[in-house]
N, C-alpha and C. Protein backbone atom coordinates (compact mmCIF):
# COMPACT_ATOMS: atom_id res chain seq x y z
N UNK A 1 -161.75 -83.52 -63.72
CA UNK A 1 -162.83 -82.48 -64.02
C UNK A 1 -164.08 -82.76 -63.23
N UNK A 2 -164.51 -84.04 -63.06
CA UNK A 2 -165.66 -84.47 -62.39
C UNK A 2 -165.15 -85.25 -61.18
N UNK A 3 -165.31 -84.72 -60.02
CA UNK A 3 -164.75 -85.34 -58.83
C UNK A 3 -165.83 -85.93 -57.83
N UNK A 4 -167.14 -85.81 -58.25
CA UNK A 4 -168.17 -86.28 -57.42
C UNK A 4 -169.33 -86.64 -58.32
N UNK A 5 -170.16 -87.62 -57.88
CA UNK A 5 -171.42 -87.89 -58.71
C UNK A 5 -172.53 -87.12 -58.28
N UNK A 6 -172.33 -86.17 -57.48
CA UNK A 6 -173.41 -85.30 -56.91
C UNK A 6 -173.96 -85.84 -55.66
N UNK A 7 -173.62 -86.96 -55.21
CA UNK A 7 -174.11 -87.64 -53.98
C UNK A 7 -173.00 -87.78 -52.99
N UNK A 8 -171.88 -88.31 -53.47
CA UNK A 8 -170.68 -88.46 -52.61
C UNK A 8 -169.44 -88.33 -53.42
N UNK A 9 -168.33 -87.94 -52.79
CA UNK A 9 -167.00 -87.88 -53.53
C UNK A 9 -166.56 -89.22 -54.20
N UNK A 10 -166.00 -89.04 -55.34
CA UNK A 10 -165.45 -90.22 -56.06
C UNK A 10 -164.08 -90.71 -55.42
N UNK A 11 -164.05 -91.83 -54.80
CA UNK A 11 -162.88 -92.28 -54.09
C UNK A 11 -161.67 -92.48 -55.11
N UNK A 12 -161.99 -92.89 -56.30
CA UNK A 12 -160.93 -93.18 -57.28
C UNK A 12 -160.24 -91.83 -57.72
N UNK A 13 -161.07 -90.81 -57.86
CA UNK A 13 -160.51 -89.49 -58.36
C UNK A 13 -159.76 -88.88 -57.29
N UNK A 14 -160.18 -89.10 -56.04
CA UNK A 14 -159.52 -88.51 -54.91
C UNK A 14 -158.17 -89.20 -54.60
N UNK A 15 -157.90 -90.28 -55.26
CA UNK A 15 -156.58 -91.03 -55.15
C UNK A 15 -156.42 -91.83 -53.85
N UNK A 16 -157.63 -92.35 -53.35
CA UNK A 16 -157.57 -93.16 -52.23
C UNK A 16 -157.13 -94.54 -52.58
N UNK A 17 -155.85 -94.84 -52.50
CA UNK A 17 -155.26 -96.10 -53.02
C UNK A 17 -155.74 -97.27 -52.22
N UNK A 18 -155.81 -97.17 -50.94
CA UNK A 18 -156.35 -98.28 -50.01
C UNK A 18 -157.66 -98.74 -50.49
N UNK A 19 -158.64 -97.80 -50.75
CA UNK A 19 -159.97 -98.19 -51.06
C UNK A 19 -159.95 -98.73 -52.54
N UNK A 20 -159.14 -98.19 -53.44
CA UNK A 20 -159.10 -98.63 -54.85
C UNK A 20 -158.45 -100.02 -54.83
N UNK A 21 -157.54 -100.42 -53.99
CA UNK A 21 -157.00 -101.69 -53.92
C UNK A 21 -158.04 -102.70 -53.38
N UNK A 22 -158.74 -102.32 -52.40
CA UNK A 22 -159.77 -103.24 -51.89
C UNK A 22 -160.83 -103.48 -52.86
N UNK A 23 -161.20 -102.47 -53.58
CA UNK A 23 -162.21 -102.63 -54.71
C UNK A 23 -161.76 -103.64 -55.73
N UNK A 24 -160.52 -103.50 -56.17
CA UNK A 24 -160.00 -104.37 -57.21
C UNK A 24 -159.81 -105.76 -56.73
N UNK A 25 -159.44 -105.96 -55.46
CA UNK A 25 -159.25 -107.30 -54.85
C UNK A 25 -160.56 -108.05 -54.62
N UNK A 26 -161.65 -107.27 -54.36
CA UNK A 26 -162.96 -107.88 -54.12
C UNK A 26 -163.63 -108.24 -55.55
N UNK A 27 -163.34 -107.52 -56.55
CA UNK A 27 -164.09 -107.76 -57.81
C UNK A 27 -164.11 -109.20 -58.30
N UNK A 28 -162.94 -109.96 -58.31
CA UNK A 28 -163.02 -111.29 -58.76
C UNK A 28 -163.99 -112.19 -57.91
N UNK A 29 -164.01 -111.96 -56.60
CA UNK A 29 -164.82 -112.70 -55.75
C UNK A 29 -166.31 -112.39 -56.02
N UNK A 30 -166.61 -111.14 -56.31
CA UNK A 30 -167.93 -110.74 -56.64
C UNK A 30 -168.38 -111.38 -57.96
N UNK A 31 -167.50 -111.42 -58.92
CA UNK A 31 -167.78 -112.03 -60.24
C UNK A 31 -168.04 -113.45 -60.03
N UNK A 32 -167.22 -114.29 -59.28
CA UNK A 32 -167.47 -115.63 -59.08
C UNK A 32 -168.74 -115.85 -58.28
N UNK A 33 -169.08 -114.94 -57.34
CA UNK A 33 -170.32 -115.18 -56.63
C UNK A 33 -171.58 -115.01 -57.50
N UNK A 34 -171.53 -114.09 -58.42
CA UNK A 34 -172.67 -113.97 -59.44
C UNK A 34 -172.72 -115.16 -60.32
N UNK A 35 -171.48 -115.66 -60.82
CA UNK A 35 -171.50 -116.74 -61.68
C UNK A 35 -172.01 -117.99 -61.02
N UNK A 36 -171.73 -118.24 -59.78
CA UNK A 36 -172.29 -119.38 -59.09
C UNK A 36 -173.76 -119.38 -58.93
N UNK A 37 -174.29 -118.24 -58.98
CA UNK A 37 -175.75 -117.98 -58.86
C UNK A 37 -176.52 -117.94 -60.24
N UNK A 38 -175.65 -118.32 -61.22
CA UNK A 38 -176.25 -118.26 -62.56
C UNK A 38 -176.42 -116.91 -63.24
N UNK A 39 -175.92 -115.94 -62.67
CA UNK A 39 -175.95 -114.54 -63.33
C UNK A 39 -174.75 -114.28 -63.99
N UNK A 40 -174.90 -114.00 -65.34
CA UNK A 40 -173.63 -113.69 -66.20
C UNK A 40 -173.49 -112.17 -66.24
N UNK A 41 -172.55 -111.70 -65.49
CA UNK A 41 -172.28 -110.29 -65.43
C UNK A 41 -170.86 -110.05 -65.95
N UNK A 42 -170.65 -108.84 -66.53
CA UNK A 42 -169.31 -108.51 -67.01
C UNK A 42 -168.41 -108.21 -65.75
N UNK A 43 -167.15 -108.44 -65.82
CA UNK A 43 -166.26 -108.27 -64.71
C UNK A 43 -166.26 -106.79 -64.29
N UNK A 44 -166.36 -105.88 -65.32
CA UNK A 44 -166.29 -104.48 -64.99
C UNK A 44 -167.51 -104.07 -64.10
N UNK A 45 -168.58 -104.83 -64.09
CA UNK A 45 -169.82 -104.52 -63.26
C UNK A 45 -169.48 -104.91 -61.75
N UNK A 46 -168.47 -105.64 -61.56
CA UNK A 46 -168.10 -106.03 -60.23
C UNK A 46 -167.11 -105.14 -59.56
N UNK A 47 -166.64 -104.12 -60.33
CA UNK A 47 -165.72 -103.08 -59.79
C UNK A 47 -166.55 -101.91 -59.41
N UNK A 48 -167.00 -101.78 -58.14
CA UNK A 48 -167.81 -100.76 -57.66
C UNK A 48 -167.17 -99.90 -56.67
N UNK A 49 -166.90 -98.65 -57.14
CA UNK A 49 -166.26 -97.70 -56.33
C UNK A 49 -167.26 -96.59 -55.78
N UNK A 50 -167.31 -96.36 -54.50
CA UNK A 50 -168.34 -95.36 -54.05
C UNK A 50 -168.03 -93.98 -54.69
N UNK A 51 -169.09 -93.43 -55.20
CA UNK A 51 -169.06 -92.03 -55.85
C UNK A 51 -168.60 -92.08 -57.20
N UNK A 52 -168.20 -93.28 -57.82
CA UNK A 52 -167.73 -93.32 -59.10
C UNK A 52 -168.82 -93.68 -60.20
N UNK A 53 -170.05 -93.72 -59.74
CA UNK A 53 -171.22 -94.04 -60.72
C UNK A 53 -171.71 -92.67 -61.01
N UNK A 54 -171.47 -92.33 -62.24
CA UNK A 54 -171.97 -90.98 -62.80
C UNK A 54 -173.26 -91.21 -63.60
N UNK A 55 -174.26 -90.47 -63.26
CA UNK A 55 -175.62 -90.67 -63.94
C UNK A 55 -175.75 -89.40 -64.83
N UNK A 56 -175.93 -89.77 -66.18
CA UNK A 56 -176.03 -88.57 -67.17
C UNK A 56 -177.36 -87.78 -66.88
N UNK A 57 -178.29 -88.43 -66.26
CA UNK A 57 -179.58 -87.75 -65.90
C UNK A 57 -179.39 -86.71 -64.85
N UNK A 58 -178.34 -86.66 -64.12
CA UNK A 58 -178.05 -85.73 -63.14
C UNK A 58 -177.62 -84.42 -63.94
N UNK A 59 -178.34 -83.42 -63.80
CA UNK A 59 -178.05 -82.16 -64.49
C UNK A 59 -176.63 -81.55 -64.36
N UNK A 60 -176.30 -81.62 -63.05
CA UNK A 60 -174.93 -81.09 -62.71
C UNK A 60 -173.84 -81.91 -63.43
N UNK A 61 -173.94 -83.23 -63.49
CA UNK A 61 -173.00 -84.09 -64.09
C UNK A 61 -172.91 -83.76 -65.55
N UNK A 62 -174.08 -83.76 -66.19
CA UNK A 62 -174.18 -83.52 -67.57
C UNK A 62 -173.58 -82.16 -67.99
N UNK A 63 -173.87 -81.18 -67.20
CA UNK A 63 -173.30 -79.80 -67.54
C UNK A 63 -171.81 -79.77 -67.46
N UNK A 64 -171.25 -80.46 -66.43
CA UNK A 64 -169.80 -80.44 -66.25
C UNK A 64 -169.08 -81.20 -67.31
N UNK A 65 -169.75 -82.34 -67.68
CA UNK A 65 -169.10 -83.15 -68.73
C UNK A 65 -169.13 -82.52 -70.11
N UNK A 66 -170.36 -81.91 -70.41
CA UNK A 66 -170.41 -81.12 -71.61
C UNK A 66 -169.49 -79.96 -71.65
N UNK A 67 -169.29 -79.28 -70.63
CA UNK A 67 -168.43 -78.10 -70.50
C UNK A 67 -166.96 -78.53 -70.77
N UNK A 68 -166.60 -79.63 -70.09
CA UNK A 68 -165.30 -80.18 -70.30
C UNK A 68 -164.98 -80.60 -71.78
N UNK A 69 -165.95 -81.25 -72.32
CA UNK A 69 -165.79 -81.60 -73.71
C UNK A 69 -165.70 -80.48 -74.67
N UNK A 70 -166.61 -79.49 -74.38
CA UNK A 70 -166.61 -78.35 -75.28
C UNK A 70 -165.33 -77.50 -75.15
N UNK A 71 -164.81 -77.34 -73.93
CA UNK A 71 -163.58 -76.55 -73.77
C UNK A 71 -162.30 -77.21 -74.21
N UNK A 72 -162.27 -78.54 -74.24
CA UNK A 72 -161.10 -79.27 -74.58
C UNK A 72 -161.07 -79.93 -75.96
N UNK A 73 -162.33 -80.18 -76.45
CA UNK A 73 -162.44 -80.82 -77.81
C UNK A 73 -163.40 -80.12 -78.70
N UNK A 74 -163.87 -78.96 -78.30
CA UNK A 74 -164.83 -78.26 -79.18
C UNK A 74 -164.16 -77.83 -80.46
N UNK A 75 -165.07 -77.36 -81.34
CA UNK A 75 -164.53 -77.03 -82.67
C UNK A 75 -163.86 -75.64 -82.60
N UNK A 76 -162.76 -75.55 -83.29
CA UNK A 76 -162.02 -74.33 -83.35
C UNK A 76 -162.45 -73.47 -84.49
N UNK A 77 -162.51 -72.17 -84.25
CA UNK A 77 -162.85 -71.28 -85.32
C UNK A 77 -161.75 -71.21 -86.33
N UNK A 78 -162.13 -71.29 -87.59
CA UNK A 78 -161.08 -71.22 -88.69
C UNK A 78 -160.69 -69.83 -88.90
N UNK A 79 -159.42 -69.59 -89.11
CA UNK A 79 -158.98 -68.25 -89.43
C UNK A 79 -158.67 -68.19 -90.91
N UNK A 80 -159.33 -67.21 -91.53
CA UNK A 80 -159.05 -67.01 -93.02
C UNK A 80 -158.18 -65.89 -93.21
N UNK A 81 -157.17 -66.10 -94.11
CA UNK A 81 -156.25 -64.97 -94.35
C UNK A 81 -156.57 -64.28 -95.58
């Protein structure tokens, strides 16, 4: 539903497997690099994919996510017989 963060296309959503593999292979090295410098970061913060950072403050992103949630998980009207 959301294919871009409003700045650049999301490489993971587009299915670019080569870039996705490179990102995943680099993540452990980034994590170790941070740890050696005394910074405790979660491993997930080392997996950085261009365009995959979605900011709720971006009005377009918020609108698309709310629309998706409402259309797929919104409350259904009850039918009374």
